[in-house]
Protein backbone atom coordinates (compact mmCIF):
# COMPACT_ATOMS: atom_id res chain seq x y z
CA MET A 1 0.07 0.17 0.12
CA GLY A 2 3.13 2.57 -0.47
CA LYS A 3 2.95 2.81 -3.61
CA SER A 4 2.15 6.46 -5.14
CA ARG A 5 -1.24 7.37 -6.70
CA ALA A 6 -0.06 7.18 -10.34
CA GLU A 7 1.53 3.53 -9.48
CA HIS A 8 -1.57 2.67 -8.20
CA VAL A 9 -3.82 3.92 -10.76
CA GLY A 10 -1.57 3.84 -13.72
CA ALA A 11 0.05 0.17 -13.16
CA ASP A 12 0.37 -1.13 -16.94
CA PRO A 13 -2.58 -3.23 -17.46
CA GLY A 14 -0.80 -6.34 -18.76
CA GLY A 15 1.28 -7.28 -15.66
CA ALA A 16 -1.45 -6.33 -13.36
CA ALA A 17 -3.39 -8.50 -14.97
CA GLY A 18 -0.55 -11.12 -14.68
CA GLY A 19 0.61 -10.60 -18.25
CA GLY A 20 3.94 -10.91 -18.24
CA GLY A 21 4.92 -7.88 -19.42
CA THR A 22 7.51 -5.39 -18.42
CA ALA A 23 6.80 -1.68 -16.82
CA GLY A 24 5.71 0.85 -18.69
CA SER A 25 7.31 3.59 -19.05
CA PRO A 26 7.37 6.83 -16.56
CA ASP A 27 4.77 9.14 -18.71
CA ASP A 28 2.79 6.22 -20.23
CA GLU A 29 1.63 5.77 -16.31
CA LEU A 30 0.93 9.18 -15.44
CA LEU A 31 -0.95 9.84 -19.31
CA LEU A 32 -2.91 6.44 -18.11
CA ALA A 33 -3.77 8.22 -14.57
CA ALA A 34 -5.04 11.52 -16.13
CA LEU A 35 -6.98 9.71 -19.05
CA LEU A 36 -8.47 6.99 -16.23
CA ASP A 37 -9.17 9.99 -13.75
CA GLY A 38 -10.40 12.08 -16.59
CA MET A 39 -13.04 9.52 -17.50
CA ASP A 40 -16.88 10.29 -15.98
CA ALA A 41 -17.31 6.52 -15.10
CA ALA A 42 -15.90 4.85 -12.17
CA LEU A 43 -13.51 1.98 -13.37
CA CYS A 44 -12.01 -0.49 -11.81
CA ALA A 45 -10.16 -3.26 -12.56
CA PHE A 46 -9.37 -7.04 -11.25
CA ASP A 47 -6.27 -9.38 -12.34
CA ALA A 48 -7.22 -12.64 -12.89
CA ASP A 49 -6.98 -13.59 -8.33
CA GLY A 50 -9.62 -10.49 -7.70
CA VAL A 51 -6.96 -8.26 -6.42
CA VAL A 52 -8.02 -4.60 -7.52
CA THR A 53 -5.88 -2.85 -10.07
CA HIS A 54 -7.09 0.05 -10.83
CA TRP A 55 -9.45 2.84 -9.30
CA ASN A 56 -10.03 6.06 -10.26
CA ARG A 57 -11.00 9.11 -9.33
CA GLU A 58 -15.70 8.38 -10.22
CA ALA A 59 -15.19 5.69 -8.20
CA GLU A 60 -13.42 7.27 -5.41
CA ARG A 61 -16.11 10.00 -5.55
CA ILE A 62 -18.76 7.65 -5.81
CA LEU A 63 -17.58 5.21 -2.91
CA GLY A 64 -15.63 7.29 -0.78
CA TRP A 65 -12.85 4.86 -1.03
CA THR A 66 -9.55 6.65 -2.41
CA ALA A 67 -7.05 4.69 -4.60
CA GLU A 68 -4.68 4.15 -1.82
CA GLU A 69 -7.42 2.45 0.71
CA ALA A 70 -8.38 0.43 -3.02
CA VAL A 71 -5.64 -0.74 -5.06
CA GLY A 72 -4.43 -4.31 -3.89
CA ARG A 73 -7.39 -5.35 -2.07
CA ARG A 74 -8.57 -8.84 -2.87
CA GLY A 75 -12.22 -8.26 -4.01
CA LEU A 76 -14.79 -6.18 -2.68
CA ALA A 77 -16.01 -7.99 0.29
CA GLY A 78 -15.50 -6.72 3.36
CA TRP A 79 -15.19 -3.01 2.39
CA ALA A 80 -17.03 -2.13 -0.94
CA VAL A 81 -19.86 -5.10 -0.59
CA ARG A 82 -21.47 -6.47 2.28
CA SER A 83 -19.96 -9.55 3.48
CA ALA A 84 -23.65 -11.43 3.06
CA ASP A 85 -23.67 -9.84 -0.50
CA ALA A 86 -20.29 -10.61 -1.52
CA ALA A 87 -21.01 -13.97 -2.41
CA HIS A 88 -23.66 -12.98 -5.11
CA VAL A 89 -22.30 -9.83 -5.96
CA GLU A 90 -17.89 -10.89 -7.01
CA PRO A 91 -18.54 -13.84 -8.59
CA ARG A 92 -21.00 -12.67 -11.36
CA LEU A 93 -18.19 -9.89 -11.56
CA LEU A 94 -15.35 -11.72 -12.17
CA GLY A 95 -17.64 -14.23 -13.88
CA ALA A 96 -16.66 -11.67 -17.13
CA MET A 97 -13.73 -13.35 -17.74
CA ASP A 98 -14.78 -15.80 -18.41
CA THR A 99 -17.92 -14.90 -21.21
CA PRO A 100 -17.32 -13.06 -24.04
CA GLY A 101 -18.59 -9.87 -24.75
CA ARG A 102 -19.81 -6.97 -21.96
CA GLN A 103 -22.01 -7.62 -18.68
CA VAL A 104 -24.76 -5.53 -17.57
CA HIS A 105 -25.49 -6.31 -13.64
CA GLU A 106 -26.97 -4.11 -10.23
CA PHE A 107 -25.36 -4.01 -7.33
CA ALA A 108 -25.53 -2.32 -3.96
CA LEU A 109 -21.96 -1.26 -3.42
CA VAL A 110 -21.13 0.28 0.36
CA THR A 111 -19.49 3.49 0.62
CA LYS A 112 -16.80 4.60 3.05
CA ASP A 113 -18.89 6.42 5.50
CA GLY A 114 -21.17 2.64 5.60
CA GLY A 115 -23.29 3.76 3.45
CA ARG A 116 -25.33 1.72 -0.16
CA VAL A 117 -24.96 2.78 -3.61
CA LEU A 118 -26.97 1.24 -6.13
CA VAL A 119 -24.66 1.21 -8.78
CA ARG A 120 -25.26 -0.97 -12.99
CA THR A 121 -22.02 -2.46 -13.82
CA GLN A 122 -20.47 -2.65 -17.43
CA SER A 123 -17.72 -5.34 -17.03
CA SER A 124 -15.55 -7.15 -19.42
CA GLY A 125 -12.74 -9.92 -19.39
CA VAL A 126 -9.09 -8.41 -20.06
CA ALA A 127 -7.02 -11.45 -22.33
CA GLY A 128 -3.50 -12.20 -22.74
CA ALA A 129 -1.50 -12.33 -25.70
CA ASP A 130 -1.96 -16.08 -25.87
CA GLY A 131 -5.56 -15.31 -25.93
CA ARG A 132 -6.33 -16.84 -21.53
CA PRO A 133 -8.55 -14.70 -19.13
CA THR A 134 -5.90 -12.17 -17.36
CA GLY A 135 -8.38 -10.08 -15.71
CA VAL A 136 -11.48 -8.16 -15.52
CA TYR A 137 -12.14 -3.73 -16.07
CA CYS A 138 -15.32 -3.20 -14.52
CA ALA A 139 -17.38 0.34 -15.41
CA PHE A 140 -19.79 1.57 -12.97
CA SER A 141 -22.62 4.55 -12.19
CA GLU A 142 -25.07 5.02 -10.17
CA VAL A 143 -28.41 3.59 -11.64
CA HIS A 144 -29.66 7.15 -11.08
CA ALA A 145 -27.60 9.03 -13.05
CA GLN A 146 -27.71 6.12 -16.02
CA ILE A 147 -31.60 6.39 -15.72
CA ASP A 148 -31.50 9.65 -16.29
CA LEU A 149 -28.99 9.28 -19.45
CA GLU A 150 -31.47 6.53 -20.82
CA ARG A 151 -34.41 8.44 -20.32
CA SER A 152 -32.77 11.65 -22.14
CA ILE A 153 -32.07 9.56 -25.21
CA ALA A 154 -35.24 7.57 -25.09
CA LEU A 155 -37.12 11.52 -24.52
CA SER A 156 -34.81 12.32 -27.81
CA GLU A 157 -36.14 8.91 -29.73
CA ALA A 158 -39.16 9.57 -29.78
CA LEU A 159 -39.06 13.36 -30.47
CA PHE A 160 -37.21 12.31 -33.36
CA GLU A 161 -39.56 9.34 -34.38
CA ASP A 162 -42.96 9.67 -32.69
CA ALA A 163 -44.18 13.44 -31.76
CA ALA A 164 -47.14 15.00 -32.68
CA TRP A 165 -45.24 18.25 -32.80
CA GLY A 166 -42.19 19.19 -34.98
CA VAL A 167 -38.79 19.25 -34.01
CA VAL A 168 -35.48 20.67 -36.01
CA LEU A 169 -32.57 20.82 -34.14
CA VAL A 170 -30.59 24.65 -35.28
CA ASP A 171 -26.79 24.78 -35.19
CA ALA A 172 -25.37 28.18 -34.32
CA ASP A 173 -25.53 29.12 -37.64
CA LEU A 174 -29.05 28.47 -38.18
CA ARG A 175 -28.77 25.68 -40.16
CA PRO A 176 -31.21 23.16 -39.68
CA ALA A 177 -28.59 19.73 -38.22
CA VAL A 178 -31.33 17.34 -37.21
CA VAL A 179 -34.96 16.74 -38.51
CA ASN A 180 -37.93 15.10 -36.88
CA THR A 181 -40.26 12.93 -39.54
CA HIS A 182 -43.55 15.79 -38.17
CA ALA A 183 -41.18 18.44 -39.17
CA ALA A 184 -40.57 16.92 -42.51
CA ARG A 185 -43.90 16.48 -43.27
CA ALA A 186 -44.66 20.19 -42.09
CA LEU A 187 -41.85 21.43 -44.81
CA ARG A 188 -42.94 19.33 -47.00
CA LEU A 189 -39.36 17.45 -47.34
CA THR A 190 -38.88 13.62 -48.99
CA SER A 191 -36.94 12.81 -46.30
CA ARG A 192 -35.34 13.82 -42.80
CA THR A 193 -32.33 14.61 -44.02
CA ALA A 194 -33.29 16.48 -47.51
CA VAL A 195 -32.47 20.02 -44.98
CA LEU A 196 -29.03 19.22 -43.48
CA GLY A 197 -27.02 21.98 -43.24
CA ARG A 198 -29.04 24.09 -45.65
CA PRO A 199 -29.96 27.48 -45.03
CA LEU A 200 -34.05 28.48 -43.91
CA GLY A 201 -34.43 30.51 -46.61
CA GLU A 202 -34.36 27.14 -48.98
CA LEU A 203 -38.24 26.65 -47.12
CA LEU A 204 -39.41 29.33 -45.92
CA ASP A 205 -40.82 32.52 -47.44
CA HIS A 206 -43.24 34.29 -45.81
CA GLY A 207 -42.17 35.03 -41.97
CA LEU A 208 -38.28 33.57 -42.20
CA ASP A 209 -36.90 36.66 -41.12
CA GLU A 210 -39.22 37.02 -37.88
CA LEU A 211 -37.89 32.66 -37.51
CA GLU A 212 -33.95 33.63 -37.73
CA SER A 213 -34.95 36.60 -35.33
CA ALA A 214 -36.41 34.15 -32.70
CA LEU A 215 -33.57 31.60 -33.25
CA GLN A 216 -30.78 34.27 -33.00
CA HIS A 217 -32.16 35.99 -29.60
CA VAL A 218 -32.82 32.20 -28.46
CA LEU A 219 -28.78 31.66 -28.79
CA ALA A 220 -28.07 34.85 -26.62
CA GLN A 221 -30.68 35.68 -24.55
CA GLY A 222 -32.31 32.09 -23.63
CA ALA A 223 -35.78 30.73 -24.34
CA PRO A 224 -38.80 32.82 -24.44
CA PRO A 225 -41.00 32.62 -21.60
CA ALA A 226 -44.06 31.34 -23.56
CA PRO A 227 -44.86 30.06 -27.36
CA ALA A 228 -44.97 32.59 -30.17
CA GLU A 229 -46.88 32.17 -33.20
CA ILE A 230 -45.22 33.04 -36.71
CA TRP A 231 -47.28 32.44 -40.07
CA VAL A 232 -44.98 30.96 -42.49
CA SER A 233 -44.98 30.15 -46.30
CA LEU A 234 -43.15 27.47 -47.50
CA ARG A 235 -40.80 28.94 -50.52
CA ARG A 236 -41.59 25.85 -52.74
CA GLU A 237 -45.24 26.87 -52.03
CA ALA A 238 -44.71 30.66 -53.43
CA GLU A 239 -42.33 29.65 -55.86
CA ARG A 240 -45.35 27.17 -57.69
CA GLY A 241 -47.91 30.23 -56.47
CA GLU A 242 -50.03 27.35 -54.35
CA GLU A 243 -52.66 28.70 -51.81
CA ASP A 244 -52.73 26.60 -48.44
CA GLY A 245 -56.39 27.67 -47.71
CA GLU A 246 -58.30 30.74 -47.03
CA THR A 247 -57.07 33.23 -43.88
CA GLY A 248 -59.60 35.99 -41.60
CA SER A 249 -56.88 37.90 -41.22
CA GLN A 250 -56.99 41.29 -42.77
CA ALA A 251 -53.02 42.05 -42.63
CA PRO A 252 -50.11 40.48 -43.91
CA ALA A 253 -49.14 39.83 -39.71
CA ALA A 254 -52.01 37.34 -40.20
CA GLY A 255 -51.50 35.09 -42.24
CA ALA A 256 -51.32 36.44 -45.56
CA SER A 257 -47.85 37.94 -47.02
CA GLY A 258 -47.10 41.31 -48.85
CA ASP A 259 -49.18 40.18 -52.21
CA GLY A 260 -51.56 37.74 -50.89
CA ARG A 261 -49.98 34.24 -50.78
CA ARG A 262 -51.97 32.28 -47.69
CA GLY A 263 -49.83 30.77 -45.20
CA ARG A 264 -49.56 28.12 -41.99
CA CYS A 265 -49.70 29.65 -37.90
CA TRP A 266 -46.96 27.57 -36.66
CA ARG A 267 -46.67 27.79 -32.26
CA SER A 268 -43.22 27.44 -31.86
CA GLY A 269 -41.47 27.26 -28.71
CA PHE A 270 -37.54 27.31 -28.83
CA LEU A 271 -34.83 26.01 -26.42
CA ARG A 272 -31.19 26.88 -26.76
CA LEU A 273 -29.21 24.00 -26.84
CA ALA A 274 -25.67 23.81 -24.79
CA SER A 275 -22.77 21.50 -23.93
CA PRO A 276 -23.02 20.07 -20.53
CA LEU A 277 -19.09 18.96 -20.82
CA ALA A 278 -18.19 22.88 -21.01
CA GLU A 279 -16.69 23.83 -17.60
CA GLU A 280 -19.20 27.12 -19.24
CA PRO A 281 -21.57 27.17 -21.50
CA VAL A 282 -21.55 26.80 -25.41
CA PRO A 283 -23.96 26.91 -27.51
CA LEU A 284 -25.16 24.10 -29.93
CA GLY A 285 -27.55 25.00 -30.99
CA VAL A 286 -31.55 25.62 -31.14
CA ALA A 287 -34.24 23.07 -30.14
CA TRP A 288 -37.26 24.51 -32.51
CA LEU A 289 -40.74 23.28 -31.64
CA PHE A 290 -43.46 23.93 -33.43
CA ARG A 291 -47.06 22.98 -34.19
CA ASP A 292 -49.67 23.89 -36.52
CA VAL A 293 -52.40 25.73 -35.55
CA THR A 294 -53.42 27.59 -38.57
CA ASP A 295 -57.45 25.97 -38.51
CA GLU A 296 -57.53 27.28 -34.41
CA LYS A 297 -56.30 30.90 -35.55
CA ARG A 298 -58.01 31.33 -37.94
CA ALA A 299 -61.05 30.27 -36.43
CA ALA A 300 -61.06 32.59 -33.88
CA GLN A 301 -59.96 35.70 -36.12
CA ASP A 302 -63.02 34.27 -38.42
CA VAL A 303 -65.20 34.21 -34.67
CA SER A 304 -63.96 37.90 -33.46
CA ARG A 305 -64.39 39.15 -37.41
CA LEU A 306 -67.95 38.30 -37.29
CA ARG A 307 -68.36 39.87 -33.61
CA PHE A 308 -66.58 42.90 -34.80
CA ARG A 309 -68.99 43.24 -38.00
CA ASP A 310 -72.31 42.83 -36.05
CA ASN A 311 -70.97 44.76 -33.95
CA GLN A 312 -70.53 47.50 -36.33
CA LEU A 313 -73.78 47.16 -38.10
CA HIS A 314 -75.91 47.28 -34.98
CA ARG A 315 -74.36 50.86 -34.34
CA ALA A 316 -74.50 51.61 -37.57
CA ALA A 317 -78.46 51.23 -37.57
CA ARG A 318 -78.33 52.73 -34.00
CA ALA A 319 -76.51 56.05 -35.91
CA ALA A 320 -78.89 55.56 -39.14
CA ALA A 321 -82.09 56.14 -36.72
CA GLU A 322 -81.31 59.21 -35.14
CA CYS A 323 -81.14 61.16 -38.99
CA GLU A 324 -84.16 62.81 -40.09
CA ASN A 325 -82.77 62.56 -44.24
CA PRO A 326 -82.67 58.34 -45.09
CA MET A 327 -79.76 59.36 -47.60
CA GLU A 328 -78.16 60.65 -44.50
CA ALA A 329 -78.61 57.48 -42.85
CA ALA A 330 -77.18 55.58 -45.83
CA ALA A 331 -73.97 57.73 -45.53
CA VAL A 332 -73.80 56.72 -42.09
CA HIS A 333 -74.18 53.24 -42.91
CA LEU A 334 -71.68 53.41 -45.50
CA ASP A 335 -69.20 55.20 -43.02
CA PHE A 336 -69.60 52.59 -40.58
CA SER A 337 -68.97 49.37 -42.93
CA LEU A 338 -65.43 50.82 -43.45
CA ALA A 339 -63.53 49.95 -40.74
CA GLY A 340 -61.80 47.10 -40.97
CA PHE A 341 -62.97 45.81 -44.04
CA ALA A 342 -62.31 48.89 -46.82
CA ASP A 343 -59.93 51.73 -47.54
CA HIS A 344 -62.92 53.13 -49.48
CA ALA A 345 -66.56 53.02 -50.21
CA LEU A 346 -68.52 54.52 -53.20
CA LEU A 347 -72.60 54.53 -53.35
CA ASP A 348 -73.71 54.63 -57.16
CA LEU A 349 -77.28 55.30 -57.27
CA LEU A 350 -79.90 55.44 -60.23
CA PRO A 351 -81.44 58.95 -60.62
CA VAL A 352 -84.64 59.70 -59.63
CA GLY A 353 -87.00 58.00 -62.65
CA GLY A 354 -84.03 56.24 -63.72
CA PRO A 355 -84.31 52.76 -65.82
CA ALA A 356 -84.65 49.98 -62.31
CA SER A 357 -85.13 46.75 -63.12
CA PRO A 358 -88.53 45.16 -62.98
CA GLU A 359 -89.52 43.70 -60.58
CA GLY A 360 -88.66 40.09 -60.62
CA GLY A 361 -85.89 40.47 -63.26
CA PRO A 362 -82.72 41.20 -63.70
CA ALA A 363 -81.03 45.13 -63.84
CA SER A 364 -80.16 45.97 -67.30
CA SER A 365 -76.71 47.27 -67.83
CA GLU A 366 -78.47 49.53 -70.41
CA GLY A 367 -80.48 52.19 -70.64
CA ALA A 368 -82.94 53.19 -74.34
CA GLY A 369 -80.89 53.07 -77.17
CA GLY A 370 -78.10 50.81 -75.91
CA ALA A 371 -76.07 53.11 -73.62
CA PRO A 372 -75.05 52.35 -70.08
CA VAL A 373 -77.17 52.59 -67.63
CA PRO A 374 -76.46 56.79 -65.75
CA LEU A 375 -75.17 55.66 -62.15
CA VAL A 376 -74.42 58.11 -60.38
CA ARG A 377 -72.54 58.54 -57.63
CA ALA A 378 -74.72 59.28 -54.50
CA ALA A 379 -71.85 59.12 -51.66
CA ALA A 380 -68.09 58.35 -51.51
CA THR A 381 -66.40 57.29 -47.92
CA PRO A 382 -63.78 58.29 -46.77
CA ALA A 383 -64.68 62.01 -48.09
CA SER A 384 -61.39 62.96 -49.61
CA SER A 385 -61.62 59.74 -51.90
CA HIS A 386 -62.87 61.44 -54.84
CA GLY A 387 -59.43 63.00 -55.24
CA HIS A 388 -58.38 60.36 -56.57
CA GLY A 389 -60.91 59.30 -58.80
CA PRO A 390 -63.93 61.31 -60.20
CA VAL A 391 -64.16 65.12 -60.55
CA VAL A 392 -67.69 65.65 -59.84
CA GLU A 393 -68.28 65.80 -56.67
CA ALA A 394 -71.02 63.39 -54.50
CA GLY A 395 -74.52 64.06 -55.25
CA LEU A 396 -77.20 63.14 -56.95
CA ALA A 397 -78.63 66.67 -57.48
CA SER A 398 -76.41 67.41 -61.01
CA GLY A 399 -77.54 63.93 -62.25
CA ILE A 400 -74.00 62.65 -63.66
CA PRO A 401 -73.18 59.59 -64.47
CA VAL A 402 -69.85 58.56 -63.07
CA GLY A 403 -69.28 57.69 -66.57
CA TYR A 404 -68.57 53.81 -66.40
CA GLY A 405 -68.06 51.18 -69.20
CA PRO A 406 -70.16 48.30 -70.17
CA THR A 407 -67.34 45.85 -68.55
CA HIS A 408 -66.86 47.85 -65.49
CA PRO A 409 -67.52 45.54 -62.20
CA ALA A 410 -69.89 47.67 -60.98
CA VAL A 411 -72.58 47.75 -64.16
CA GLN A 412 -71.92 43.60 -64.42
CA ALA A 413 -73.63 43.59 -60.73
CA TYR A 414 -75.83 46.03 -61.39
CA ASP A 415 -76.46 43.43 -65.12
CA ARG A 416 -76.11 40.38 -63.14
CA GLY A 417 -77.91 41.52 -59.97
CA THR A 418 -74.93 39.94 -57.78
CA THR A 419 -72.20 40.43 -56.09
CA VAL A 420 -68.97 40.76 -58.48
CA ARG A 421 -65.28 40.28 -57.04
CA THR A 422 -62.50 41.74 -58.80
CA SER A 423 -58.63 42.12 -58.20
CA VAL A 424 -55.44 42.68 -60.00
CA GLY A 425 -53.00 40.94 -57.32
CA GLY A 426 -51.19 42.07 -54.56
CA ALA A 427 -49.30 44.68 -56.37
CA ALA A 428 -50.71 47.69 -57.75
CA VAL A 429 -51.20 47.56 -61.64
CA PRO A 430 -50.29 51.25 -63.36
CA GLY A 431 -53.22 52.40 -65.45
CA TRP A 432 -55.90 49.47 -63.52
CA ALA A 433 -57.60 51.38 -60.92
CA GLN A 434 -57.71 54.92 -63.18
CA GLY A 435 -58.86 52.93 -65.76
CA ARG A 436 -62.28 51.76 -63.52
CA LYS A 437 -62.23 55.36 -62.24
CA TRP A 438 -60.88 54.05 -59.08
CA PRO A 439 -58.50 55.43 -56.09
CA ASP A 440 -54.99 55.38 -57.31
CA GLY A 441 -53.35 52.55 -55.37
CA THR A 442 -56.36 49.92 -55.18
CA VAL A 443 -56.46 46.64 -55.82
CA HIS A 444 -59.15 44.72 -54.97
CA GLY A 445 -62.62 45.42 -55.89
CA LEU A 446 -65.90 44.14 -54.55
CA CYS A 447 -69.23 45.24 -55.41
CA ALA A 448 -72.57 44.83 -54.55
CA VAL A 449 -76.13 45.33 -55.88
CA LEU A 450 -78.57 47.58 -53.95
CA ARG A 451 -81.83 46.30 -53.93
CA SER A 452 -85.18 47.01 -52.66
CA ARG A 453 -89.12 45.58 -53.49
CA GLY A 454 -87.64 43.71 -56.21
CA ARG A 455 -85.74 46.34 -58.20
CA THR A 456 -82.26 47.07 -58.19
CA LEU A 457 -81.35 50.88 -56.90
CA GLY A 458 -77.86 51.10 -57.60
CA VAL A 459 -74.41 49.29 -56.17
CA VAL A 460 -71.88 49.64 -53.85
CA THR A 461 -68.70 49.28 -53.88
CA PHE A 462 -65.68 48.17 -51.40
CA LEU A 463 -62.34 48.98 -52.24
CA ARG A 464 -59.08 47.72 -50.88
CA GLY A 465 -55.28 48.78 -51.55
CA SER A 466 -52.01 46.30 -52.01
CA SER A 467 -51.42 46.23 -47.84
CA ARG A 468 -54.77 43.80 -47.72
CA ARG A 469 -55.54 40.95 -49.44
CA GLY A 470 -58.55 40.08 -51.46
CA PHE A 471 -62.01 40.19 -50.68
CA ASP A 472 -63.54 36.61 -49.74
CA ARG A 473 -66.32 35.19 -49.46
CA ALA A 474 -66.78 35.95 -46.25
CA ASP A 475 -66.36 39.12 -46.88
CA ALA A 476 -68.47 39.52 -49.92
CA SER A 477 -71.65 38.37 -47.20
CA TYR A 478 -70.88 41.05 -44.82
CA ALA A 479 -71.02 43.61 -47.96
CA GLU A 480 -74.07 42.07 -49.23
CA ASP A 481 -75.62 43.07 -45.46
CA ILE A 482 -74.53 46.84 -45.70
CA ALA A 483 -76.08 46.78 -49.32
CA VAL A 484 -79.43 45.46 -47.99
CA ARG A 485 -79.03 48.11 -44.86
CA LEU A 486 -78.64 50.50 -47.64
CA ALA A 487 -81.34 50.14 -49.98
CA SER A 488 -84.10 50.58 -47.34
CA ALA A 489 -82.40 53.67 -47.23
CA VAL A 490 -82.37 54.68 -50.61
CA ASP A 491 -85.56 53.45 -51.45
CA LEU A 492 -87.22 55.30 -48.29
CA ALA A 493 -85.52 58.40 -49.36
CA ARG A 494 -86.74 57.89 -53.04
CA THR A 495 -90.80 56.83 -51.81
CA LEU A 496 -90.44 60.43 -49.72
CA ARG A 497 -89.50 62.42 -52.62
CA GLY A 498 -91.82 60.92 -54.88
């Protein structure tokens, strides 16, 4: 027991196990001692007679016995193992010399202060140059630590195989390093390895900047306190011009890019990954977990939008009820309709005594002599919109027609007796709005007819700019609700005047 620590821990394995080799150089012994002491697992070794030849620092940490106290003892009985258990433990431990492969067992070992520690051992026999067994090396760790490690590995495997949400590990350069099966499907990948090492810009179009900003924030500051909902669209779908469903939002931030493309809403959580082996945390990347909540978000948006529009109709009706002049009430309805719906609204009516459509029949876009129906601008909101369109001020008194051509959407709506939607796309096209006598910057239009007592009285037009998406069916239904109220007010005005 008088040898130095380097001699105890770094004894030549061949000599310690009875191989008969010459002793290694001092440098080799120091290197072996450093390697054994630097291991994360506890390690001990026995020669063919069961004498302890190696005992590293981790074994000392777990059991409390130092290398000077352990090396040279025969077996573990009476000090590292209870005498009553030795007959069961030592044969299984030393039996690895005669058994090929690695043997795994769980034993209760005794600490220096008299406590007991349940450890999981992995033992393997050592053979000499002639092939005969010369000893056993045994690595062990506390069972709970081993179970924690196995549980972590099992969790990782489950996340990347069976998880019902997407998991993407992104490295410090913001490139995917690992993608699970669910994420590969969400990103429309052919395989889990198809995107590894490629920039996210090759996958995502709308929402890419926001996602990369979130990843950089997590790398610098750590995980955010709550999940974030990010609207994204895939690059390959954008290139094909596909629209993946409809959204109830009215701005690009709520599910549509500025050019009108729809996307998916992914509820995303982020975790910063750091190496547990470094003295100071070294960021390895970010774990990005996401789940598609597009349907939930769109349903919630639709409900919110419907509730807001119902409130607007209710408020407009109450305000219009206080108006003595029915045409003033119509203007009130028009003003209330703009909030959250359109940028401009135009009310074009047939002049008093004009060729209103007959009861029960479709309207005609041509008057006497085949000329287009002379729709007159009765109101426009906001009031400044007329400066970008017709020069004639809004009002029926002059009786001057707006001058729509026979292919104008408002004339088509009047002719068909139904709602007409039109759009030039996500960006303004020079001359498109001016040719329809609409305000500059208009890219989406919706024309709804005013029907009362079986007669078409005119057309209400709602316009949107490039910052909004195109009108959908829900918008058409809302416009028709507004048109019903406008038609009632216009019809009452004409009845009182007549």
